[in-house]
Amino acid sequence: MTTQGQFEDAIDEAVASADWPRVQVLADEWLTADPHEPQAQLYRNLAQRQLAKTAATERRLLTAVFIDLVDSTTISSSHGWV
């Protein structure tokens, strides 16, 4: 059986390395053992926010990659790229 101190130590280590998926898993395990532990709920919420922020940033980067140039076929043909 994992104690509160062991959960705290493991989560603190995961937070220090910004391993948010691990923080979420550990917090969920802690809440399974003690569903009313407020510190575990805080850690789970923190991990969810960080993961959502990371996912949103990645989506923005992907959408910025796709561009369209007007008359790009003509330009390509004139340089022999097509």
C-alpha atoms as a PDB file:
ATOM      1  CA  MET A   1       0.000   0.000   0.000  1.00  0.00           C
ATOM      2  CA  THR A   2       1.311   3.412  -0.964  1.00  0.00           C
ATOM      3  CA  THR A   3       1.326   6.090   1.722  1.00  0.00           C
ATOM      4  CA  GLN A   4       0.452   9.747   1.322  1.00  0.00           C
ATOM      5  CA  GLY A   5       4.127  10.643   1.658  1.00  0.00           C
ATOM      6  CA  GLN A   6       5.091   8.255  -1.121  1.00  0.00           C
ATOM      7  CA  PHE A   7       2.453   9.744  -3.429  1.00  0.00           C
ATOM      8  CA  GLU A   8       3.676  13.261  -2.606  1.00  0.00           C
ATOM      9  CA  ASP A   9       7.317  12.358  -3.268  1.00  0.00           C
ATOM     10  CA  ALA A  10       6.527  10.677  -6.588  1.00  0.00           C
ATOM     11  CA  ILE A  11       4.289  13.532  -7.732  1.00  0.00           C
ATOM     12  CA  ASP A  12       6.828  16.182  -6.681  1.00  0.00           C
ATOM     13  CA  GLU A  13       9.469  14.394  -8.754  1.00  0.00           C
ATOM     14  CA  ALA A  14       7.137  14.232 -11.766  1.00  0.00           C
ATOM     15  CA  VAL A  15       6.230  17.928 -11.396  1.00  0.00           C
ATOM     16  CA  ALA A  16       9.922  18.892 -11.186  1.00  0.00           C
ATOM     17  CA  SER A  17      10.547  17.159 -14.524  1.00  0.00           C
ATOM     18  CA  ALA A  18       7.297  18.521 -16.041  1.00  0.00           C
ATOM     19  CA  ASP A  19       6.066  14.963 -16.660  1.00  0.00           C
ATOM     20  CA  TRP A  20       2.369  15.938 -16.643  1.00  0.00           C
ATOM     21  CA  PRO A  21       0.997  12.596 -17.846  1.00  0.00           C
ATOM     22  CA  ARG A  22       2.810  10.929 -14.915  1.00  0.00           C
ATOM     23  CA  VAL A  23       1.476  13.556 -12.482  1.00  0.00           C
ATOM     24  CA  GLN A  24      -2.057  12.823 -13.671  1.00  0.00           C
ATOM     25  CA  VAL A  25      -1.631   9.051 -13.327  1.00  0.00           C
ATOM     26  CA  LEU A  26      -0.171   9.373  -9.826  1.00  0.00           C
ATOM     27  CA  ALA A  27      -2.894  11.786  -8.730  1.00  0.00           C
ATOM     28  CA  ASP A  28      -5.559   9.418 -10.069  1.00  0.00           C
ATOM     29  CA  GLU A  29      -3.976   6.516  -8.173  1.00  0.00           C
ATOM     30  CA  TRP A  30      -3.864   8.621  -5.015  1.00  0.00           C
ATOM     31  CA  LEU A  31      -7.536   9.541  -5.437  1.00  0.00           C
ATOM     32  CA  THR A  32      -8.398   5.879  -5.930  1.00  0.00           C
ATOM     33  CA  ALA A  33      -6.779   5.155  -2.570  1.00  0.00           C
ATOM     34  CA  ASP A  34      -8.271   8.254  -0.902  1.00  0.00           C
ATOM     35  CA  PRO A  35     -11.088   9.845  -2.965  1.00  0.00           C
ATOM     36  CA  HIS A  36     -11.370  12.902  -0.718  1.00  0.00           C
ATOM     37  CA  GLU A  37      -7.700  13.920  -0.620  1.00  0.00           C
ATOM     38  CA  PRO A  38      -7.685  17.622  -1.615  1.00  0.00           C
ATOM     39  CA  GLN A  39      -3.966  17.705  -2.443  1.00  0.00           C
ATOM     40  CA  ALA A  40      -4.368  14.860  -4.931  1.00  0.00           C
ATOM     41  CA  GLN A  41      -7.289  16.704  -6.539  1.00  0.00           C
ATOM     42  CA  LEU A  42      -5.124  19.822  -6.880  1.00  0.00           C
ATOM     43  CA  TYR A  43      -2.342  17.850  -8.528  1.00  0.00           C
ATOM     44  CA  ARG A  44      -4.775  16.190 -10.942  1.00  0.00           C
ATOM     45  CA  ASN A  45      -6.263  19.585 -11.891  1.00  0.00           C
ATOM     46  CA  LEU A  46      -2.784  21.052 -12.389  1.00  0.00           C
ATOM     47  CA  ALA A  47      -1.779  18.154 -14.639  1.00  0.00           C
ATOM     48  CA  GLN A  48      -4.971  18.456 -16.690  1.00  0.00           C
ATOM     49  CA  ARG A  49      -4.427  22.197 -17.200  1.00  0.00           C
ATOM     50  CA  GLN A  50      -0.813  21.696 -18.248  1.00  0.00           C
ATOM     51  CA  LEU A  51      -1.729  18.899 -20.645  1.00  0.00           C
ATOM     52  CA  ALA A  52      -4.513  21.001 -22.177  1.00  0.00           C
ATOM     53  CA  LYS A  53      -2.138  23.944 -22.579  1.00  0.00           C
ATOM     54  CA  THR A  54       0.425  21.724 -24.305  1.00  0.00           C
ATOM     55  CA  ALA A  55      -2.195  20.234 -26.630  1.00  0.00           C
ATOM     56  CA  ALA A  56      -3.505  23.689 -27.575  1.00  0.00           C
ATOM     57  CA  THR A  57       0.009  24.926 -28.355  1.00  0.00           C
ATOM     58  CA  GLU A  58       0.733  21.937 -30.558  1.00  0.00           C
ATOM     59  CA  ARG A  59      -2.481  22.468 -32.509  1.00  0.00           C
ATOM     60  CA  ARG A  60      -1.574  26.094 -33.187  1.00  0.00           C
ATOM     61  CA  LEU A  61       1.839  25.092 -34.459  1.00  0.00           C
ATOM     62  CA  LEU A  62       0.336  22.542 -36.812  1.00  0.00           C
ATOM     63  CA  THR A  63      -2.179  24.975 -38.264  1.00  0.00           C
ATOM     64  CA  ALA A  64       0.575  27.548 -38.865  1.00  0.00           C
ATOM     65  CA  VAL A  65       2.472  25.068 -41.032  1.00  0.00           C
ATOM     66  CA  PHE A  66      -0.166  24.899 -43.771  1.00  0.00           C
ATOM     67  CA  ILE A  67      -0.059  27.817 -46.200  1.00  0.00           C
ATOM     68  CA  ASP A  68      -1.205  28.425 -49.755  1.00  0.00           C
ATOM     69  CA  LEU A  69       0.527  30.688 -52.273  1.00  0.00           C
ATOM     70  CA  VAL A  70      -1.469  32.317 -55.035  1.00  0.00           C
ATOM     71  CA  ASP A  71      -0.132  31.329 -58.448  1.00  0.00           C
ATOM     72  CA  SER A  72       2.397  28.955 -56.882  1.00  0.00           C
ATOM     73  CA  THR A  73       2.111  26.589 -59.866  1.00  0.00           C
ATOM     74  CA  THR A  74       3.167  29.368 -62.261  1.00  0.00           C
ATOM     75  CA  ILE A  75       6.123  30.276 -60.072  1.00  0.00           C
ATOM     76  CA  SER A  76       7.169  26.625 -59.793  1.00  0.00           C
ATOM     77  CA  SER A  77       6.913  26.124 -63.547  1.00  0.00           C
ATOM     78  CA  SER A  78       9.048  29.172 -64.296  1.00  0.00           C
ATOM     79  CA  HIS A  79      11.811  27.784 -62.080  1.00  0.00           C
ATOM     80  CA  GLY A  80      11.518  24.248 -63.432  1.00  0.00           C
ATOM     81  CA  TRP A  81      10.299  22.774 -60.112  1.00  0.00           C
ATOM     82  CA  VAL A  82       7.186  21.176 -61.596  1.00  0.00           C
END
